[in-house]
């Protein structure tokens, strides 16, 4: 009797788990509009609570499989971090201002080291802000956390930035890959260590043609003074170029993330974000037109009440007529700024997040089933520095 040899069976890997976003757009719009109004009433201080509400909305509606993420940060933490950061940043600005008064001629030269200092300090703030947000992110009851040195990251960012300048931007893909490797190898989900598999060459291969077009845009911008029609061409091209670049960058970044054996994969298309940037531009033009119509209507009303020509409202010496116009213009300008903030948060935060998240899948998620919680909470000081230097993310 012949015995047939058994054929070894290889286990079939489970299918990837999709990541989805279930947030209601109307709910987010109401959240942002209410928060933006409170920013105005509180002279900007409500932005810490608004940032927290936005993150909670985005995190809690991001589902990996059947489990949603959770954001545990608070607005009070962000406010205290910002105040501590101001206590450090304000004396630096004051010292530079006093030096400038004493040595006016050397002020231009002194601005160079000041710029370099704040660039390096800004990179430090970016790293520490990411560390804060990561330690406030929880999934399946286990917190993410981060180690590493913010100053070591800042030094790497500064050196890679110098190389990018010298190479006219060609080194940017390798800069991004090197910095992401440093951040991810110091990132953890419980006891799962992170890593980054993306390479600079891979990012360059996907977007090298954007670099060539960027060089062409710069050359055309330099010639725009002699050819006014070029400016319109640049405005039309910018959303396509930038939207394509951000889509390529998001897809490359997500597909490189690893936590132990868990890996992410993005299928975001190159054209997925272009329409969002066009919508932002369209809303900006509409808001500016509404502001112009409002200003004209206010000028016509005041001119009719005072029985004076509209042109006299804008004469500096005509205070009786120009002060009411100035007050109404300030109100309209604030409404314009608040409207632009709502538009940007709707399209460039919520909608970008939704499209990027919905294009993502997670492989080998079973490797995160028995993770042991580790790590400690980071302070919000880094987030405060990032906010004070205007380099904070969402």
Protein backbone atom coordinates (compact mmCIF):
# COMPACT_ATOMS: atom_id res chain seq x y z
CA UNK A 1 0.00 0.00 0.00
CA UNK A 2 1.50 3.27 -1.07
CA UNK A 3 1.44 6.14 1.38
CA UNK A 4 1.24 9.56 -0.17
CA UNK A 5 3.51 12.14 1.40
CA UNK A 6 1.64 14.89 3.19
CA UNK A 7 1.94 18.33 1.67
CA UNK A 8 2.85 20.96 4.30
CA UNK A 9 0.08 23.46 4.76
CA UNK A 10 1.06 27.11 5.19
CA UNK A 11 -1.36 29.13 7.32
CA UNK A 12 -3.24 31.70 5.33
CA UNK A 13 -2.70 35.16 6.82
CA UNK A 14 -5.91 36.86 7.94
CA UNK A 15 -7.20 39.69 5.78
CA UNK A 16 -6.26 43.26 6.72
CA UNK A 17 -8.57 45.13 9.05
CA UNK A 18 -9.97 48.34 7.54
CA UNK A 19 -9.75 51.66 9.36
CA UNK A 20 -12.89 53.78 9.08
CA UNK A 21 -14.07 57.23 10.12
CA UNK A 22 -17.66 57.57 11.32
CA UNK A 23 -17.73 61.20 12.44
CA UNK A 24 -20.76 63.28 11.46
CA UNK A 25 -19.78 66.32 9.39
CA UNK A 26 -22.64 68.46 10.72
CA UNK A 27 -21.67 67.68 14.30
CA UNK A 28 -18.07 68.67 13.62
CA UNK A 29 -19.17 71.89 11.91
CA UNK A 30 -21.28 72.87 14.91
CA UNK A 31 -18.40 72.04 17.25
CA UNK A 32 -16.00 74.21 15.28
CA UNK A 33 -18.40 77.12 14.84
CA UNK A 34 -19.24 77.19 18.54
CA UNK A 35 -15.57 76.91 19.49
CA UNK A 36 -14.54 79.62 17.05
CA UNK A 37 -17.14 81.97 18.51
CA UNK A 38 -15.87 81.24 22.03
CA UNK A 39 -12.33 81.94 20.81
CA UNK A 40 -13.49 85.43 19.89
CA UNK A 41 -15.23 85.98 23.26
CA UNK A 42 -12.22 84.72 25.25
CA UNK A 43 -9.64 86.59 23.13
CA UNK A 44 -8.22 83.32 21.80
CA UNK A 45 -7.82 81.39 25.05
CA UNK A 46 -10.61 78.94 24.23
CA UNK A 47 -8.47 77.49 21.44
CA UNK A 48 -6.93 75.01 23.89
CA UNK A 49 -10.35 73.53 24.67
CA UNK A 50 -11.34 73.68 21.00
CA UNK A 51 -8.20 71.77 19.99
CA UNK A 52 -9.06 69.17 22.63
CA UNK A 53 -12.66 68.86 21.41
CA UNK A 54 -11.49 68.49 17.81
CA UNK A 55 -9.04 65.74 18.71
CA UNK A 56 -11.62 63.89 20.79
CA UNK A 57 -14.05 64.00 17.88
CA UNK A 58 -11.47 62.75 15.38
CA UNK A 59 -10.00 60.09 17.65
CA UNK A 60 -13.33 58.71 18.96
CA UNK A 61 -14.75 58.36 15.45
CA UNK A 62 -11.67 56.56 14.11
CA UNK A 63 -12.38 52.83 14.24
CA UNK A 64 -9.73 50.16 13.73
CA UNK A 65 -11.83 47.09 13.19
CA UNK A 66 -14.54 47.45 15.82
CA UNK A 67 -12.53 49.45 18.35
CA UNK A 68 -12.34 53.25 18.40
CA UNK A 69 -9.41 55.31 19.61
CA UNK A 70 -9.66 57.65 22.60
CA UNK A 71 -8.04 61.03 23.29
CA UNK A 72 -7.53 61.76 27.01
CA UNK A 73 -5.87 65.18 26.89
CA UNK A 74 -7.54 68.24 28.37
CA UNK A 75 -7.74 71.93 27.51
CA UNK A 76 -6.40 72.82 30.94
CA UNK A 77 -3.22 70.83 30.26
CA UNK A 78 -2.69 72.70 26.99
CA UNK A 79 -3.29 76.08 28.63
CA UNK A 80 -0.82 75.38 31.45
CA UNK A 81 1.75 74.09 28.96
CA UNK A 82 1.32 77.24 26.88
CA UNK A 83 1.74 79.51 29.92
CA UNK A 84 4.88 77.69 31.01
CA UNK A 85 6.22 77.97 27.46
CA UNK A 86 5.50 81.73 27.43
CA UNK A 87 7.48 82.10 30.65
CA UNK A 88 10.49 80.78 28.72
CA UNK A 89 9.88 82.32 25.30
CA UNK A 90 8.96 85.88 26.38
CA UNK A 91 12.34 86.60 28.10
CA UNK A 92 14.13 85.40 24.96
CA UNK A 93 12.13 87.82 22.79
CA UNK A 94 12.69 90.60 25.35
CA UNK A 95 16.46 90.06 25.45
CA UNK A 96 16.63 90.17 21.66
CA UNK A 97 14.55 93.36 21.61
CA UNK A 98 16.85 95.08 24.14
CA UNK A 99 19.94 94.00 22.24
CA UNK A 100 18.37 95.42 19.09
CA UNK A 101 17.84 98.77 20.79
CA UNK A 102 21.44 98.94 21.94
CA UNK A 103 22.96 97.80 18.66
CA UNK A 104 20.61 98.84 15.87
CA UNK A 105 23.21 98.27 13.18
CA UNK A 106 23.90 94.74 14.34
CA UNK A 107 20.22 93.90 14.55
CA UNK A 108 20.04 92.42 11.04
CA UNK A 109 23.03 90.21 11.79
CA UNK A 110 21.61 89.27 15.17
CA UNK A 111 18.39 88.09 13.55
CA UNK A 112 20.26 85.23 11.83
CA UNK A 113 21.26 83.36 15.02
CA UNK A 114 17.82 84.18 16.47
CA UNK A 115 16.15 82.56 13.45
CA UNK A 116 18.41 79.51 13.73
CA UNK A 117 17.70 79.21 17.44
CA UNK A 118 13.94 79.31 16.95
CA UNK A 119 14.13 76.87 14.05
CA UNK A 120 15.96 74.33 16.22
CA UNK A 121 13.72 75.12 19.18
CA UNK A 122 10.67 74.68 16.93
CA UNK A 123 11.83 71.19 15.97
CA UNK A 124 12.26 70.37 19.64
CA UNK A 125 8.72 71.61 20.25
CA UNK A 126 7.34 69.50 17.39
CA UNK A 127 8.88 66.35 18.90
CA UNK A 128 7.65 67.08 22.41
CA UNK A 129 4.16 67.98 21.14
CA UNK A 130 3.96 64.65 19.32
CA UNK A 131 5.08 62.94 22.51
CA UNK A 132 2.27 64.63 24.45
CA UNK A 133 -0.41 63.71 21.89
CA UNK A 134 0.81 60.13 21.68
CA UNK A 135 0.62 59.60 25.46
CA UNK A 136 -2.96 60.93 25.38
CA UNK A 137 -3.99 58.42 22.71
CA UNK A 138 -5.55 55.18 23.95
CA UNK A 139 -6.75 52.15 21.98
CA UNK A 140 -8.27 49.03 23.54
CA UNK A 141 -7.43 50.48 26.96
CA UNK A 142 -3.69 50.63 26.23
CA UNK A 143 -1.87 53.93 25.86
CA UNK A 144 0.68 54.89 23.24
CA UNK A 145 3.84 56.51 24.56
CA UNK A 146 7.14 57.90 23.41
CA UNK A 147 10.74 58.11 24.61
CA UNK A 148 13.78 59.71 22.99
CA UNK A 149 15.30 63.18 23.20
CA UNK A 150 13.67 66.26 21.73
CA UNK A 151 17.06 67.96 21.43
CA UNK A 152 18.58 64.98 19.60
CA UNK A 153 15.66 65.12 17.17
CA UNK A 154 16.08 68.90 16.76
CA UNK A 155 19.79 68.48 15.95
CA UNK A 156 18.98 65.87 13.30
CA UNK A 157 16.25 68.07 11.84
CA UNK A 158 18.62 71.07 11.67
CA UNK A 159 21.40 69.13 9.93
CA UNK A 160 19.01 67.52 7.46
CA UNK A 161 17.40 70.92 6.85
CA UNK A 162 20.79 72.40 5.98
CA UNK A 163 21.43 69.53 3.55
CA UNK A 164 18.00 70.09 1.98
CA UNK A 165 18.87 73.76 1.38
CA UNK A 166 22.23 72.92 -0.13
CA UNK A 167 20.64 70.37 -2.50
CA UNK A 168 17.75 72.71 -3.44
CA UNK A 169 15.22 70.37 -1.85
CA UNK A 170 16.44 67.11 -3.36
CA UNK A 171 17.38 65.76 0.08
CA UNK A 172 13.89 66.36 1.51
CA UNK A 173 12.66 62.74 1.02
CA UNK A 174 15.68 61.36 2.87
CA UNK A 175 15.25 64.02 5.57
CA UNK A 176 11.64 62.99 6.12
CA UNK A 177 12.57 59.29 6.23
CA UNK A 178 15.41 59.83 8.71
CA UNK A 179 13.28 61.94 11.06
CA UNK A 180 10.37 59.50 10.91
CA UNK A 181 12.70 56.61 11.71
CA UNK A 182 13.92 58.42 14.80
CA UNK A 183 10.37 59.28 15.95
CA UNK A 184 8.94 55.82 15.30
CA UNK A 185 11.73 53.83 16.94
CA UNK A 186 11.01 55.81 20.10
CA UNK A 187 7.24 55.30 19.80
CA UNK A 188 5.42 52.47 21.54
CA UNK A 189 1.98 50.95 21.86
CA UNK A 190 2.18 49.39 25.29
CA UNK A 191 5.18 47.08 25.02
CA UNK A 192 5.10 46.98 21.20
CA UNK A 193 8.03 48.99 19.84
CA UNK A 194 7.47 51.14 16.78
CA UNK A 195 9.56 51.38 13.64
CA UNK A 196 9.38 53.04 10.25
CA UNK A 197 9.89 51.06 7.04
CA UNK A 198 9.56 53.90 4.55
CA UNK A 199 12.67 55.02 2.69
CA UNK A 200 13.73 58.33 1.25
CA UNK A 201 14.26 56.74 -2.14
CA UNK A 202 10.69 55.44 -2.18
CA UNK A 203 9.28 58.90 -1.44
CA UNK A 204 11.58 60.46 -4.04
CA UNK A 205 10.54 57.90 -6.64
CA UNK A 206 6.87 58.74 -6.12
CA UNK A 207 7.28 62.52 -6.17
CA UNK A 208 10.43 63.40 -8.14
CA UNK A 209 8.35 64.95 -10.91
CA UNK A 210 6.78 67.31 -8.36
CA UNK A 211 10.28 68.58 -7.55
CA UNK A 212 10.88 69.32 -11.23
CA UNK A 213 7.56 71.13 -11.48
CA UNK A 214 8.42 73.01 -8.29
CA UNK A 215 11.65 74.24 -9.85
CA UNK A 216 9.68 75.32 -12.91
CA UNK A 217 7.19 77.16 -10.69
CA UNK A 218 10.03 79.05 -8.97
CA UNK A 219 11.52 80.06 -12.30
CA UNK A 220 8.12 81.23 -13.52
CA UNK A 221 7.54 83.11 -10.25
CA UNK A 222 10.77 85.02 -10.77
CA UNK A 223 9.55 85.99 -14.22
CA UNK A 224 6.06 86.90 -13.00
CA UNK A 225 6.95 90.58 -12.64
CA UNK A 226 7.55 90.82 -16.39
CA UNK A 227 4.61 88.58 -17.29
CA UNK A 228 1.54 89.31 -15.12
CA UNK A 229 -0.39 86.39 -16.58
CA UNK A 230 2.07 83.97 -15.00
CA UNK A 231 0.74 84.80 -11.51
CA UNK A 232 -2.70 83.46 -12.45
CA UNK A 233 -1.11 80.31 -13.84
CA UNK A 234 0.80 79.77 -10.59
CA UNK A 235 -2.38 80.18 -8.53
CA UNK A 236 -4.11 77.54 -10.64
CA UNK A 237 -1.18 75.12 -10.44
CA UNK A 238 -0.53 75.44 -6.69
CA UNK A 239 -3.55 73.42 -5.42
CA UNK A 240 -2.78 70.60 -7.87
CA UNK A 241 0.90 70.42 -6.92
CA UNK A 242 0.47 70.78 -3.17
CA UNK A 243 -2.58 68.52 -2.99
CA UNK A 244 -0.76 65.80 -4.93
CA UNK A 245 2.35 66.14 -2.78
CA UNK A 246 0.40 65.85 0.49
CA UNK A 247 -1.47 62.76 -0.78
CA UNK A 248 1.80 61.07 -1.76
CA UNK A 249 3.37 62.00 1.59
CA UNK A 250 0.39 60.71 3.62
CA UNK A 251 0.33 57.41 1.74
CA UNK A 252 4.10 56.94 2.08
CA UNK A 253 4.06 57.78 5.78
CA UNK A 254 1.14 55.54 6.74
CA UNK A 255 2.46 52.60 4.74
CA UNK A 256 5.76 52.82 6.62
CA UNK A 257 4.37 52.66 10.18
CA UNK A 258 5.06 49.51 12.20
CA UNK A 259 4.32 48.48 15.78
CA UNK A 260 5.94 45.11 16.30
CA UNK A 261 4.42 42.84 13.64
CA UNK A 262 1.49 45.21 13.11
CA UNK A 263 1.82 47.25 9.92
CA UNK A 264 -0.30 49.87 8.19
CA UNK A 265 -1.06 50.27 4.50
CA UNK A 266 -2.65 53.22 2.71
CA UNK A 267 -4.37 53.24 -0.67
CA UNK A 268 -4.83 57.02 -0.82
CA UNK A 269 -4.85 58.19 -4.43
CA UNK A 270 -2.73 61.09 -5.64
CA UNK A 271 -5.79 63.16 -6.47
CA UNK A 272 -7.70 62.48 -3.23
CA UNK A 273 -6.92 65.85 -1.59
CA UNK A 274 -6.81 68.24 -4.55
CA UNK A 275 -10.53 68.99 -4.43
CA UNK A 276 -10.33 69.92 -0.74
CA UNK A 277 -7.70 72.58 -1.40
CA UNK A 278 -9.79 73.98 -4.25
CA UNK A 279 -12.81 74.16 -1.96
CA UNK A 280 -10.79 76.10 0.62
CA UNK A 281 -9.66 78.55 -2.06
CA UNK A 282 -13.24 78.93 -3.31
CA UNK A 283 -14.53 79.63 0.21
CA UNK A 284 -11.76 82.16 0.80
CA UNK A 285 -12.71 84.06 -2.36
CA UNK A 286 -16.39 83.99 -1.36
CA UNK A 287 -15.66 85.24 2.16
CA UNK A 288 -13.46 88.05 0.84
CA UNK A 289 -16.21 89.09 -1.58
CA UNK A 290 -18.76 89.10 1.25
CA UNK A 291 -16.41 91.18 3.39
CA UNK A 292 -15.94 93.67 0.54
CA UNK A 293 -19.70 93.94 0.06
CA UNK A 294 -20.17 94.42 3.81
CA UNK A 295 -17.51 97.16 3.92
CA UNK A 296 -19.10 98.96 0.96
CA UNK A 297 -22.56 98.73 2.57
CA UNK A 298 -21.23 100.14 5.86
CA UNK A 299 -19.49 102.98 4.02
CA UNK A 300 -22.66 103.80 2.10
CA UNK A 301 -24.75 103.78 5.29
CA UNK A 302 -22.38 106.06 7.21
CA UNK A 303 -22.03 108.39 4.23
CA UNK A 304 -25.81 108.71 3.93
CA UNK A 305 -26.22 109.43 7.65
CA UNK A 306 -23.47 112.08 7.65
CA UNK A 307 -24.44 113.33 4.19
CA UNK A 308 -20.82 113.17 3.04
CA UNK A 309 -19.14 111.45 0.07
CA UNK A 310 -17.94 107.90 0.71
CA UNK A 311 -14.35 108.91 -0.11
CA UNK A 312 -14.20 111.17 2.96
CA UNK A 313 -14.68 108.17 5.25
CA UNK A 314 -11.18 107.02 4.49
CA UNK A 315 -9.49 110.40 5.05
CA UNK A 316 -7.31 110.11 8.21
CA UNK A 317 -8.21 113.58 9.43
CA UNK A 318 -11.96 113.01 9.25
CA UNK A 319 -12.23 111.22 12.61
CA UNK A 320 -15.93 111.81 13.16
CA UNK A 321 -16.78 109.73 10.11
CA UNK A 322 -13.78 107.35 10.01
CA UNK A 323 -14.04 106.04 13.61
CA UNK A 324 -17.47 104.39 13.06
CA UNK A 325 -16.19 103.01 9.78
CA UNK A 326 -13.08 101.69 11.52
CA UNK A 327 -15.18 99.97 14.19
CA UNK A 328 -17.48 98.33 11.65
CA UNK A 329 -14.47 97.26 9.57
CA UNK A 330 -12.90 95.58 12.59
CA UNK A 331 -16.12 93.66 13.23
CA UNK A 332 -16.24 92.56 9.60
CA UNK A 333 -12.57 91.60 9.59
CA UNK A 334 -12.99 89.46 12.72
CA UNK A 335 -15.96 87.72 11.08
CA UNK A 336 -13.81 87.12 7.99
CA UNK A 337 -10.98 85.58 10.03
CA UNK A 338 -13.37 83.41 12.03
CA UNK A 339 -15.05 82.22 8.84
CA UNK A 340 -11.69 81.29 7.32
CA UNK A 341 -10.76 79.36 10.47
CA UNK A 342 -13.99 77.38 10.26
CA UNK A 343 -13.37 76.58 6.59
CA UNK A 344 -9.79 75.45 7.21
CA UNK A 345 -10.77 73.25 10.13
CA UNK A 346 -13.61 71.71 8.15
CA UNK A 347 -11.66 70.88 5.00
CA UNK A 348 -8.00 70.70 6.03
CA UNK A 349 -8.55 68.97 9.38
CA UNK A 350 -11.77 66.96 9.37
CA UNK A 351 -12.06 66.12 5.67
CA UNK A 352 -8.35 65.38 5.19
CA UNK A 353 -8.44 63.15 8.28
CA UNK A 354 -11.54 61.33 7.03
CA UNK A 355 -10.11 60.63 3.58
CA UNK A 356 -6.68 59.58 4.85
CA UNK A 357 -8.12 57.32 7.56
CA UNK A 358 -10.66 55.71 5.24
CA UNK A 359 -7.88 54.72 2.82
CA UNK A 360 -5.96 52.82 5.51
CA UNK A 361 -5.88 49.15 6.48
CA UNK A 362 -4.02 47.34 9.28
CA UNK A 363 -2.21 44.04 8.75
CA UNK A 364 -1.43 41.48 11.49
CA UNK A 365 -3.59 43.27 14.05
CA UNK A 366 -3.63 40.03 16.07
CA UNK A 367 -0.11 40.89 17.20
CA UNK A 368 -1.61 43.71 19.30
CA UNK A 369 -4.03 41.40 21.14
CA UNK A 370 -1.92 40.75 24.25
CA UNK A 371 -0.11 44.04 24.68
CA UNK A 372 1.10 45.00 28.13
CA UNK A 373 0.52 48.63 29.16
CA UNK A 374 3.69 50.62 29.74
CA UNK A 375 5.00 54.17 29.57
CA UNK A 376 4.26 57.35 31.46
CA UNK A 377 2.29 60.46 30.61
CA UNK A 378 4.26 63.35 29.11
CA UNK A 379 3.70 66.96 30.15
CA UNK A 380 1.99 69.46 27.87
CA UNK A 381 5.01 71.79 27.90
CA UNK A 382 6.10 70.65 24.45
CA UNK A 383 2.61 71.32 23.11
CA UNK A 384 2.82 74.78 24.69
CA UNK A 385 6.12 75.48 22.96
CA UNK A 386 4.65 74.30 19.65
CA UNK A 387 1.63 76.56 20.11
CA UNK A 388 3.77 79.54 21.09
CA UNK A 389 5.98 79.09 18.04
CA UNK A 390 2.97 78.42 15.77
CA UNK A 391 4.19 74.93 14.83
CA UNK A 392 1.48 72.95 16.63
CA UNK A 393 -0.39 70.22 14.80
CA UNK A 394 -3.81 68.73 15.49
